[in-house]
Amino acid sequence: MTTVFLDPVGCPDAAFTARMVSSAPGVRLRVLSWRPQKPAPGGRILFVPGWASAVQGWVPVLRQLVCRWPVDYVETREKVSAEFDGSLTASMFALPAMAADLVIVAKALAMEPAETVVIGSSLGATVLLEAMKESRFNPRAGFLIAPTCSFRFPPLTRAVLALPSASYHLLKHAVLYYLEHFRVDVEHEPEQMQRYRDTLLTAEPERLKLSAQAVHGYSVWRGLKTVHVPIAVAHADTDKLHTSSDARRLVRLLPRGVDLRCPSNRHMHSADIVKDLVRFATALEASL
């Protein structure tokens, strides 16, 4: 089903559409798609953003992508755009359920896995990894930006998560306090903190709470040996939320992992990261 949604990127050389795609019984996800007039070689891109993140935060990156390649940007279940029939439970936001969504959506979009490059950030990168385990989804390559390898919240945040959704005002500020004081380098990466602030202050309360409950305690490590897709893992030492030590461990455990160290979190959310993607894809083609 096509929906009315203004193009957030505004590339004059790419046609834009937005639609709702059924990913499971009673669940529909919004997919934003761009089709350039003259696509460059390299296939198609499936882009999965991070937890509750807004598309506006990715405009600098998307602007570089959509004018070159066909791009489908999938908003996962916890986003305010998702549609559900019936009541919500925490289990509906578990990583395996969200990973299964991507497999179904890719089929619904008629994506040919061998011609698709997947890009994911933070939670979106983690969901992509989960989808690729046991060969459930085998794209041509993966490009993961600061994947979240484990989810563990401090006691204060866990206590707030036990409160009713009406207490979201407390929840969002508890999470923001946790991020600002424990997981984000506010002095050197103020843009990162601002993105999280914008995300949390506009997120849907019940979904934010349920998704946080669902992912707490999850770690990505099990089953990585079954992911046989070439995957670049972009990370930055200045990013305290997604630690470089976890990223390097991830690269070691992935059979075809590539370590991509970036100068900053700012770099990973700018047009410069597309240059890294092109270099990775070029090197991959040369090795075939």
C-alpha atoms as a PDB file:
ATOM      1  CA  MET A   1       0.000   0.000   0.000  1.00  0.00           C
ATOM      2  CA  THR A   2       1.407   3.375  -1.048  1.00  0.00           C
ATOM      3  CA  THR A   3       1.232   6.148   1.570  1.00  0.00           C
ATOM      4  CA  VAL A   4       1.555   9.911   1.376  1.00  0.00           C
ATOM      5  CA  PHE A   5       4.975  10.929   2.703  1.00  0.00           C
ATOM      6  CA  LEU A   6       7.166  13.752   1.470  1.00  0.00           C
ATOM      7  CA  ASP A   7      10.604  12.866   0.167  1.00  0.00           C
ATOM      8  CA  PRO A   8      13.023  13.713   3.012  1.00  0.00           C
ATOM      9  CA  VAL A   9      16.052  13.627   0.687  1.00  0.00           C
ATOM     10  CA  GLY A  10      14.845  15.577  -2.325  1.00  0.00           C
ATOM     11  CA  CYS A  11      17.225  14.236  -4.947  1.00  0.00           C
ATOM     12  CA  PRO A  12      15.914  15.540  -8.309  1.00  0.00           C
ATOM     13  CA  ASP A  13      17.393  12.568 -10.159  1.00  0.00           C
ATOM     14  CA  ALA A  14      15.616   9.885  -8.120  1.00  0.00           C
ATOM     15  CA  ALA A  15      11.906   8.995  -8.015  1.00  0.00           C
ATOM     16  CA  PHE A  16      10.567   8.560  -4.463  1.00  0.00           C
ATOM     17  CA  THR A  17       7.753   6.406  -3.069  1.00  0.00           C
ATOM     18  CA  ALA A  18       6.607   5.412   0.411  1.00  0.00           C
ATOM     19  CA  ARG A  19       4.547   2.321   1.132  1.00  0.00           C
ATOM     20  CA  MET A  20       3.427   0.034   3.939  1.00  0.00           C
ATOM     21  CA  VAL A  21       4.620  -3.566   3.545  1.00  0.00           C
ATOM     22  CA  SER A  22       3.214  -6.518   5.478  1.00  0.00           C
ATOM     23  CA  SER A  23       6.039  -8.267   7.353  1.00  0.00           C
ATOM     24  CA  ALA A  24       4.016 -10.628   9.574  1.00  0.00           C
ATOM     25  CA  PRO A  25       0.344 -11.251  10.342  1.00  0.00           C
ATOM     26  CA  GLY A  26      -1.040  -7.962  11.627  1.00  0.00           C
ATOM     27  CA  VAL A  27       2.257  -6.067  11.185  1.00  0.00           C
ATOM     28  CA  ARG A  28       3.050  -3.510   8.483  1.00  0.00           C
ATOM     29  CA  LEU A  29       6.303  -1.575   8.133  1.00  0.00           C
ATOM     30  CA  ARG A  30       6.922   1.626   6.251  1.00  0.00           C
ATOM     31  CA  VAL A  31       9.418   1.387   3.404  1.00  0.00           C
ATOM     32  CA  LEU A  32      10.842   4.494   1.738  1.00  0.00           C
ATOM     33  CA  SER A  33      12.195   3.835  -1.762  1.00  0.00           C
ATOM     34  CA  TRP A  34      14.247   5.827  -4.245  1.00  0.00           C
ATOM     35  CA  ARG A  35      14.927   4.906  -7.853  1.00  0.00           C
ATOM     36  CA  PRO A  36      17.604   6.960  -9.677  1.00  0.00           C
ATOM     37  CA  GLN A  37      17.072   7.805 -13.329  1.00  0.00           C
ATOM     38  CA  LYS A  38      20.494   6.447 -14.244  1.00  0.00           C
ATOM     39  CA  PRO A  39      21.546   3.890 -11.611  1.00  0.00           C
ATOM     40  CA  ALA A  40      25.235   3.147 -11.250  1.00  0.00           C
ATOM     41  CA  PRO A  41      26.501  -0.437 -11.343  1.00  0.00           C
ATOM     42  CA  GLY A  42      26.485  -2.254  -8.035  1.00  0.00           C
ATOM     43  CA  GLY A  43      22.942  -3.482  -7.532  1.00  0.00           C
ATOM     44  CA  ARG A  44      20.394  -2.426  -4.944  1.00  0.00           C
ATOM     45  CA  ILE A  45      20.622  -1.181  -1.352  1.00  0.00           C
ATOM     46  CA  LEU A  46      18.530  -2.207   1.649  1.00  0.00           C
ATOM     47  CA  PHE A  47      19.045   0.353   4.443  1.00  0.00           C
ATOM     48  CA  VAL A  48      17.954  -0.366   8.034  1.00  0.00           C
ATOM     49  CA  PRO A  49      18.415   2.503  10.532  1.00  0.00           C
ATOM     50  CA  GLY A  50      18.922   2.299  14.285  1.00  0.00           C
ATOM     51  CA  TRP A  51      16.564   2.092  17.245  1.00  0.00           C
ATOM     52  CA  ALA A  52      13.650   4.558  16.882  1.00  0.00           C
ATOM     53  CA  SER A  53      15.844   6.780  14.665  1.00  0.00           C
ATOM     54  CA  ALA A  54      14.256   9.298  12.301  1.00  0.00           C
ATOM     55  CA  VAL A  55      15.078   9.347   8.598  1.00  0.00           C
ATOM     56  CA  GLN A  56      16.088  13.020   8.848  1.00  0.00           C
ATOM     57  CA  GLY A  57      19.222  11.978  10.738  1.00  0.00           C
ATOM     58  CA  TRP A  58      20.380   9.988   7.705  1.00  0.00           C
ATOM     59  CA  VAL A  59      19.683  12.553   4.972  1.00  0.00           C
ATOM     60  CA  PRO A  60      23.398  13.395   4.374  1.00  0.00           C
ATOM     61  CA  VAL A  61      24.129   9.704   3.744  1.00  0.00           C
ATOM     62  CA  LEU A  62      20.948   8.943   1.821  1.00  0.00           C
ATOM     63  CA  ARG A  63      21.480  11.912  -0.466  1.00  0.00           C
ATOM     64  CA  GLN A  64      24.725  10.326  -1.655  1.00  0.00           C
ATOM     65  CA  LEU A  65      23.157   6.890  -2.041  1.00  0.00           C
ATOM     66  CA  VAL A  66      19.789   7.490  -3.697  1.00  0.00           C
ATOM     67  CA  CYS A  67      21.152   9.493  -6.622  1.00  0.00           C
ATOM     68  CA  ARG A  68      23.376   6.526  -7.556  1.00  0.00           C
ATOM     69  CA  TRP A  69      21.600   3.308  -6.588  1.00  0.00           C
ATOM     70  CA  PRO A  70      18.084   2.008  -5.955  1.00  0.00           C
ATOM     71  CA  VAL A  71      17.569   2.294  -2.178  1.00  0.00           C
ATOM     72  CA  ASP A  72      14.874   0.818   0.069  1.00  0.00           C
ATOM     73  CA  TYR A  73      14.891   2.257   3.601  1.00  0.00           C
ATOM     74  CA  VAL A  74      13.009  -0.015   6.020  1.00  0.00           C
ATOM     75  CA  GLU A  75      11.649   1.370   9.296  1.00  0.00           C
ATOM     76  CA  THR A  76      11.594  -1.433  11.865  1.00  0.00           C
ATOM     77  CA  ARG A  77       8.793  -2.322  14.281  1.00  0.00           C
ATOM     78  CA  GLU A  78       9.584   0.089  17.083  1.00  0.00           C
ATOM     79  CA  LYS A  79       9.293   3.113  14.780  1.00  0.00           C
ATOM     80  CA  VAL A  80       6.175   5.250  15.103  1.00  0.00           C
ATOM     81  CA  SER A  81       5.387   4.521  11.430  1.00  0.00           C
ATOM     82  CA  ALA A  82       4.759   0.782  11.972  1.00  0.00           C
ATOM     83  CA  GLU A  83       1.155  -0.404  11.983  1.00  0.00           C
ATOM     84  CA  PHE A  84      -0.194  -3.203  14.191  1.00  0.00           C
ATOM     85  CA  ASP A  85      -3.510  -5.004  14.430  1.00  0.00           C
ATOM     86  CA  GLY A  86      -4.322  -5.642  18.084  1.00  0.00           C
ATOM     87  CA  SER A  87      -2.438  -5.034  21.310  1.00  0.00           C
ATOM     88  CA  LEU A  88       1.337  -4.976  21.659  1.00  0.00           C
ATOM     89  CA  THR A  89       3.630  -7.152  23.772  1.00  0.00           C
ATOM     90  CA  ALA A  90       7.366  -7.026  24.443  1.00  0.00           C
ATOM     91  CA  SER A  91       7.946 -10.293  22.579  1.00  0.00           C
ATOM     92  CA  MET A  92       6.739  -8.644  19.367  1.00  0.00           C
ATOM     93  CA  PHE A  93       9.838  -6.429  19.461  1.00  0.00           C
ATOM     94  CA  ALA A  94      12.397  -9.172  20.045  1.00  0.00           C
ATOM     95  CA  LEU A  95      15.380  -9.264  17.684  1.00  0.00           C
ATOM     96  CA  PRO A  96      14.389 -12.559  15.986  1.00  0.00           C
ATOM     97  CA  ALA A  97      10.943 -11.157  15.133  1.00  0.00           C
ATOM     98  CA  MET A  98      12.462  -7.992  13.688  1.00  0.00           C
ATOM     99  CA  ALA A  99      14.990 -10.051  11.713  1.00  0.00           C
ATOM    100  CA  ALA A 100      12.190 -12.194  10.284  1.00  0.00           C
ATOM    101  CA  ASP A 101      10.512  -8.950   9.164  1.00  0.00           C
ATOM    102  CA  LEU A 102      13.491  -8.071   6.984  1.00  0.00           C
ATOM    103  CA  VAL A 103      13.489 -11.443   5.255  1.00  0.00           C
ATOM    104  CA  ILE A 104       9.791 -11.078   4.408  1.00  0.00           C
ATOM    105  CA  VAL A 105      10.093  -7.423   3.365  1.00  0.00           C
ATOM    106  CA  ALA A 106      13.030  -8.198   1.058  1.00  0.00           C
ATOM    107  CA  LYS A 107      10.911 -10.841  -0.680  1.00  0.00           C
ATOM    108  CA  ALA A 108       7.931  -8.492  -0.886  1.00  0.00           C
ATOM    109  CA  LEU A 109      10.140  -5.886  -2.539  1.00  0.00           C
ATOM    110  CA  ALA A 110      11.331  -8.514  -5.053  1.00  0.00           C
ATOM    111  CA  MET A 111      14.935  -8.057  -3.969  1.00  0.00           C
ATOM    112  CA  GLU A 112      17.432 -10.417  -5.538  1.00  0.00           C
ATOM    113  CA  PRO A 113      19.781 -11.240  -2.613  1.00  0.00           C
ATOM    114  CA  ALA A 114      22.824 -11.711  -4.861  1.00  0.00           C
ATOM    115  CA  GLU A 115      22.366  -8.157  -6.176  1.00  0.00           C
ATOM    116  CA  THR A 116      21.581  -6.503  -2.825  1.00  0.00           C
ATOM    117  CA  VAL A 117      23.944  -4.694  -0.456  1.00  0.00           C
ATOM    118  CA  VAL A 118      22.544  -4.222   3.045  1.00  0.00           C
ATOM    119  CA  ILE A 119      23.451  -1.215   5.182  1.00  0.00           C
ATOM    120  CA  GLY A 120      22.493  -1.001   8.828  1.00  0.00           C
ATOM    121  CA  SER A 121      23.235   1.225  11.787  1.00  0.00           C
ATOM    122  CA  SER A 122      23.197   0.390  15.499  1.00  0.00           C
ATOM    123  CA  LEU A 123      20.099  -1.752  16.172  1.00  0.00           C
ATOM    124  CA  GLY A 124      19.404  -1.920  12.438  1.00  0.00           C
ATOM    125  CA  ALA A 125      22.837  -3.458  11.884  1.00  0.00           C
ATOM    126  CA  THR A 126      22.180  -5.970  14.651  1.00  0.00           C
ATOM    127  CA  VAL A 127      18.823  -6.944  13.153  1.00  0.00           C
ATOM    128  CA  LEU A 128      20.507  -7.470   9.771  1.00  0.00           C
ATOM    129  CA  LEU A 129      23.116  -9.729  11.364  1.00  0.00           C
ATOM    130  CA  GLU A 130      20.368 -11.740  13.038  1.00  0.00           C
ATOM    131  CA  ALA A 131      18.588 -12.078   9.686  1.00  0.00           C
ATOM    132  CA  MET A 132      21.767 -13.350   7.994  1.00  0.00           C
ATOM    133  CA  LYS A 133      22.409 -16.097  10.542  1.00  0.00           C
ATOM    134  CA  GLU A 134      21.807 -19.676   9.362  1.00  0.00           C
ATOM    135  CA  SER A 135      21.676 -18.296   5.790  1.00  0.00           C
ATOM    136  CA  ARG A 136      18.105 -17.025   6.226  1.00  0.00           C
ATOM    137  CA  PHE A 137      19.084 -13.961   4.193  1.00  0.00           C
ATOM    138  CA  ASN A 138      22.186 -13.931   1.997  1.00  0.00           C
ATOM    139  CA  PRO A 139      22.742 -10.533   0.396  1.00  0.00           C
ATOM    140  CA  ARG A 140      25.707  -9.766  -1.795  1.00  0.00           C
ATOM    141  CA  ALA A 141      27.454  -7.878   1.035  1.00  0.00           C
ATOM    142  CA  GLY A 142      26.819  -6.097   4.307  1.00  0.00           C
ATOM    143  CA  PHE A 143      28.003  -2.703   5.517  1.00  0.00           C
ATOM    144  CA  LEU A 144      27.310  -2.271   9.219  1.00  0.00           C
ATOM    145  CA  ILE A 145      27.723   1.074  10.955  1.00  0.00           C
ATOM    146  CA  ALA A 146      28.392   0.818  14.698  1.00  0.00           C
ATOM    147  CA  PRO A 147      26.343  -2.340  15.322  1.00  0.00           C
ATOM    148  CA  THR A 148      25.040  -2.832  18.851  1.00  0.00           C
ATOM    149  CA  CYS A 149      26.480  -6.163  19.965  1.00  0.00           C
ATOM    150  CA  SER A 150      24.732  -6.412  23.331  1.00  0.00           C
ATOM    151  CA  PHE A 151      21.951  -4.642  25.206  1.00  0.00           C
ATOM    152  CA  ARG A 152      22.231  -4.194  28.959  1.00  0.00           C
ATOM    153  CA  PHE A 153      20.603  -1.327  30.806  1.00  0.00           C
ATOM    154  CA  PRO A 154      21.663  -0.043  34.251  1.00  0.00           C
ATOM    155  CA  PRO A 155      19.379  -0.643  37.278  1.00  0.00           C
ATOM    156  CA  LEU A 156      17.785   2.818  37.096  1.00  0.00           C
ATOM    157  CA  THR A 157      16.683   2.359  33.490  1.00  0.00           C
ATOM    158  CA  ARG A 158      15.429  -1.185  34.188  1.00  0.00           C
ATOM    159  CA  ALA A 159      13.355   0.134  37.088  1.00  0.00           C
ATOM    160  CA  VAL A 160      11.776   2.785  34.885  1.00  0.00           C
ATOM    161  CA  LEU A 161      11.051   0.155  32.209  1.00  0.00           C
ATOM    162  CA  ALA A 162       8.876  -1.674  34.732  1.00  0.00           C
ATOM    163  CA  LEU A 163       6.588   1.355  35.083  1.00  0.00           C
ATOM    164  CA  PRO A 164       3.429   1.835  32.962  1.00  0.00           C
ATOM    165  CA  SER A 165       3.880   3.364  29.503  1.00  0.00           C
ATOM    166  CA  ALA A 166       2.231   6.524  30.819  1.00  0.00           C
ATOM    167  CA  SER A 167       5.489   7.064  32.721  1.00  0.00           C
ATOM    168  CA  TYR A 168       7.302   7.612  29.404  1.00  0.00           C
ATOM    169  CA  HIS A 169       8.291  11.098  30.530  1.00  0.00           C
ATOM    170  CA  LEU A 170      10.425   9.434  33.214  1.00  0.00           C
ATOM    171  CA  LEU A 171      11.667   6.754  30.845  1.00  0.00           C
ATOM    172  CA  LYS A 172      12.914   9.042  28.105  1.00  0.00           C
ATOM    173  CA  HIS A 173      14.794  11.248  30.542  1.00  0.00           C
ATOM    174  CA  ALA A 174      16.259   8.228  32.350  1.00  0.00           C
ATOM    175  CA  VAL A 175      17.552   6.849  29.049  1.00  0.00           C
ATOM    176  CA  LEU A 176      18.885  10.259  28.019  1.00  0.00           C
ATOM    177  CA  TYR A 177      20.673  10.615  31.352  1.00  0.00           C
ATOM    178  CA  TYR A 178      22.200   7.147  30.925  1.00  0.00           C
ATOM    179  CA  LEU A 179      23.383   7.914  27.392  1.00  0.00           C
ATOM    180  CA  GLU A 180      24.763  11.348  28.226  1.00  0.00           C
ATOM    181  CA  HIS A 181      26.655  10.288  31.351  1.00  0.00           C
ATOM    182  CA  PHE A 182      27.734   6.735  30.531  1.00  0.00           C
ATOM    183  CA  ARG A 183      27.642   5.932  26.806  1.00  0.00           C
ATOM    184  CA  VAL A 184      28.136   9.061  24.662  1.00  0.00           C
ATOM    185  CA  ASP A 185      31.221  11.269  24.411  1.00  0.00           C
ATOM    186  CA  VAL A 186      29.231  14.501  24.667  1.00  0.00           C
ATOM    187  CA  GLU A 187      32.317  16.710  24.601  1.00  0.00           C
ATOM    188  CA  HIS A 188      33.725  15.351  21.345  1.00  0.00           C
ATOM    189  CA  GLU A 189      30.547  13.999  19.699  1.00  0.00           C
ATOM    190  CA  PRO A 190      27.718  16.449  20.534  1.00  0.00           C
ATOM    191  CA  GLU A 191      25.924  15.569  17.279  1.00  0.00           C
ATOM    192  CA  GLN A 192      25.546  11.966  18.407  1.00  0.00           C
ATOM    193  CA  MET A 193      23.866  13.026  21.647  1.00  0.00           C
ATOM    194  CA  GLN A 194      21.585  15.427  19.781  1.00  0.00           C
ATOM    195  CA  ARG A 195      20.467  12.639  17.443  1.00  0.00           C
ATOM    196  CA  TYR A 196      19.571  10.441  20.413  1.00  0.00           C
ATOM    197  CA  ARG A 197      17.784  13.336  22.106  1.00  0.00           C
ATOM    198  CA  ASP A 198      15.719  14.053  18.979  1.00  0.00           C
ATOM    199  CA  THR A 199      14.942  10.353  18.589  1.00  0.00           C
ATOM    200  CA  LEU A 200      13.824   9.694  22.143  1.00  0.00           C
ATOM    201  CA  LEU A 201      11.774  12.854  22.523  1.00  0.00           C
ATOM    202  CA  THR A 202       9.708  12.021  19.418  1.00  0.00           C
ATOM    203  CA  ALA A 203       9.473   8.212  19.780  1.00  0.00           C
ATOM    204  CA  GLU A 204       6.189   6.398  20.484  1.00  0.00           C
ATOM    205  CA  PRO A 205       6.074   5.713  24.263  1.00  0.00           C
ATOM    206  CA  GLU A 206       4.689   2.183  24.418  1.00  0.00           C
ATOM    207  CA  ARG A 207       6.853   0.856  21.591  1.00  0.00           C
ATOM    208  CA  LEU A 208       9.973   2.429  23.061  1.00  0.00           C
ATOM    209  CA  LYS A 209       9.294   0.741  26.387  1.00  0.00           C
ATOM    210  CA  LEU A 210       8.377  -2.661  24.948  1.00  0.00           C
ATOM    211  CA  SER A 211      11.319  -2.737  22.543  1.00  0.00           C
ATOM    212  CA  ALA A 212      13.725  -1.812  25.345  1.00  0.00           C
ATOM    213  CA  GLN A 213      12.290  -4.615  27.475  1.00  0.00           C
ATOM    214  CA  ALA A 214      12.579  -7.046  24.559  1.00  0.00           C
ATOM    215  CA  VAL A 215      16.225  -6.371  23.716  1.00  0.00           C
ATOM    216  CA  HIS A 216      17.591  -6.144  27.273  1.00  0.00           C
ATOM    217  CA  GLY A 217      19.997  -9.038  27.803  1.00  0.00           C
ATOM    218  CA  TYR A 218      20.386  -9.833  24.101  1.00  0.00           C
ATOM    219  CA  SER A 219      23.834 -10.307  22.580  1.00  0.00           C
ATOM    220  CA  VAL A 220      24.743 -10.950  18.963  1.00  0.00           C
ATOM    221  CA  TRP A 221      27.616 -13.393  19.457  1.00  0.00           C
ATOM    222  CA  ARG A 222      25.828 -16.723  19.069  1.00  0.00           C
ATOM    223  CA  GLY A 223      25.590 -18.012  15.508  1.00  0.00           C
ATOM    224  CA  LEU A 224      27.955 -15.549  13.827  1.00  0.00           C
ATOM    225  CA  LYS A 225      29.944 -18.391  12.256  1.00  0.00           C
ATOM    226  CA  THR A 226      26.872 -19.146  10.133  1.00  0.00           C
ATOM    227  CA  VAL A 227      27.007 -15.700   8.468  1.00  0.00           C
ATOM    228  CA  HIS A 228      28.987 -16.230   5.253  1.00  0.00           C
ATOM    229  CA  VAL A 229      28.307 -12.834   3.675  1.00  0.00           C
ATOM    230  CA  PRO A 230      31.272 -10.409   3.314  1.00  0.00           C
ATOM    231  CA  ILE A 231      30.617  -7.734   5.930  1.00  0.00           C
ATOM    232  CA  ALA A 232      32.413  -4.477   6.687  1.00  0.00           C
ATOM    233  CA  VAL A 233      32.041  -3.270  10.276  1.00  0.00           C
ATOM    234  CA  ALA A 234      32.477   0.498  10.649  1.00  0.00           C
ATOM    235  CA  HIS A 235      33.310   1.769  14.130  1.00  0.00           C
ATOM    236  CA  ALA A 236      35.016   4.673  15.892  1.00  0.00           C
ATOM    237  CA  ASP A 237      37.044   4.782  19.096  1.00  0.00           C
ATOM    238  CA  THR A 238      35.167   7.927  20.144  1.00  0.00           C
ATOM    239  CA  ASP A 239      31.822   6.088  20.041  1.00  0.00           C
ATOM    240  CA  LYS A 240      31.230   4.936  23.628  1.00  0.00           C
ATOM    241  CA  LEU A 241      27.768   3.550  22.969  1.00  0.00           C
ATOM    242  CA  HIS A 242      28.945   1.058  20.348  1.00  0.00           C
ATOM    243  CA  THR A 243      32.413   0.134  21.540  1.00  0.00           C
ATOM    244  CA  SER A 244      35.282  -0.532  19.144  1.00  0.00           C
ATOM    245  CA  SER A 245      36.310  -3.568  21.188  1.00  0.00           C
ATOM    246  CA  ASP A 246      32.940  -5.181  20.440  1.00  0.00           C
ATOM    247  CA  ALA A 247      33.262  -4.218  16.767  1.00  0.00           C
ATOM    248  CA  ARG A 248      36.714  -5.788  16.491  1.00  0.00           C
ATOM    249  CA  ARG A 249      35.478  -8.945  18.191  1.00  0.00           C
ATOM    250  CA  LEU A 250      32.592  -9.035  15.744  1.00  0.00           C
ATOM    251  CA  VAL A 251      35.007  -8.810  12.804  1.00  0.00           C
ATOM    252  CA  ARG A 252      37.068 -11.696  14.218  1.00  0.00           C
ATOM    253  CA  LEU A 253      34.012 -13.924  14.630  1.00  0.00           C
ATOM    254  CA  LEU A 254      32.490 -13.236  11.227  1.00  0.00           C
ATOM    255  CA  PRO A 255      33.920 -15.614   8.601  1.00  0.00           C
ATOM    256  CA  ARG A 256      34.251 -12.749   6.086  1.00  0.00           C
ATOM    257  CA  GLY A 257      34.414  -9.730   8.368  1.00  0.00           C
ATOM    258  CA  VAL A 258      36.309  -6.554   7.393  1.00  0.00           C
ATOM    259  CA  ASP A 259      37.475  -4.050  10.015  1.00  0.00           C
ATOM    260  CA  LEU A 260      36.714  -0.436   9.075  1.00  0.00           C
ATOM    261  CA  ARG A 261      37.977   2.006  11.692  1.00  0.00           C
ATOM    262  CA  CYS A 262      36.515   5.503  11.327  1.00  0.00           C
ATOM    263  CA  PRO A 263      37.809   8.768  12.820  1.00  0.00           C
ATOM    264  CA  SER A 264      34.567   9.642  14.625  1.00  0.00           C
ATOM    265  CA  ASN A 265      30.873   8.957  15.041  1.00  0.00           C
ATOM    266  CA  ARG A 266      30.294  12.138  13.040  1.00  0.00           C
ATOM    267  CA  HIS A 267      32.135  10.539  10.112  1.00  0.00           C
ATOM    268  CA  MET A 268      29.871   7.489  10.246  1.00  0.00           C
ATOM    269  CA  HIS A 269      26.758   9.650   9.860  1.00  0.00           C
ATOM    270  CA  SER A 270      28.120  11.895   7.111  1.00  0.00           C
ATOM    271  CA  ALA A 271      28.549  11.621   3.361  1.00  0.00           C
ATOM    272  CA  ASP A 272      32.115  10.433   4.003  1.00  0.00           C
ATOM    273  CA  ILE A 273      30.874   6.996   5.052  1.00  0.00           C
ATOM    274  CA  VAL A 274      29.591   6.469   1.485  1.00  0.00           C
ATOM    275  CA  LYS A 275      33.168   6.807   0.247  1.00  0.00           C
ATOM    276  CA  ASP A 276      34.110   3.973   2.622  1.00  0.00           C
ATOM    277  CA  LEU A 277      31.220   1.920   1.264  1.00  0.00           C
ATOM    278  CA  VAL A 278      32.390   2.440  -2.318  1.00  0.00           C
ATOM    279  CA  ARG A 279      35.969   1.450  -1.416  1.00  0.00           C
ATOM    280  CA  PHE A 280      34.686  -1.692   0.335  1.00  0.00           C
ATOM    281  CA  ALA A 281      32.498  -2.638  -2.647  1.00  0.00           C
ATOM    282  CA  THR A 282      35.324  -1.985  -5.113  1.00  0.00           C
ATOM    283  CA  ALA A 283      37.747  -4.152  -3.138  1.00  0.00           C
ATOM    284  CA  LEU A 284      35.116  -6.872  -2.915  1.00  0.00           C
ATOM    285  CA  GLU A 285      34.576  -6.875  -6.673  1.00  0.00           C
ATOM    286  CA  ALA A 286      38.329  -7.019  -7.286  1.00  0.00           C
ATOM    287  CA  SER A 287      38.614 -10.093  -5.080  1.00  0.00           C
ATOM    288  CA  LEU A 288      35.969 -12.077  -6.948  1.00  0.00           C
END
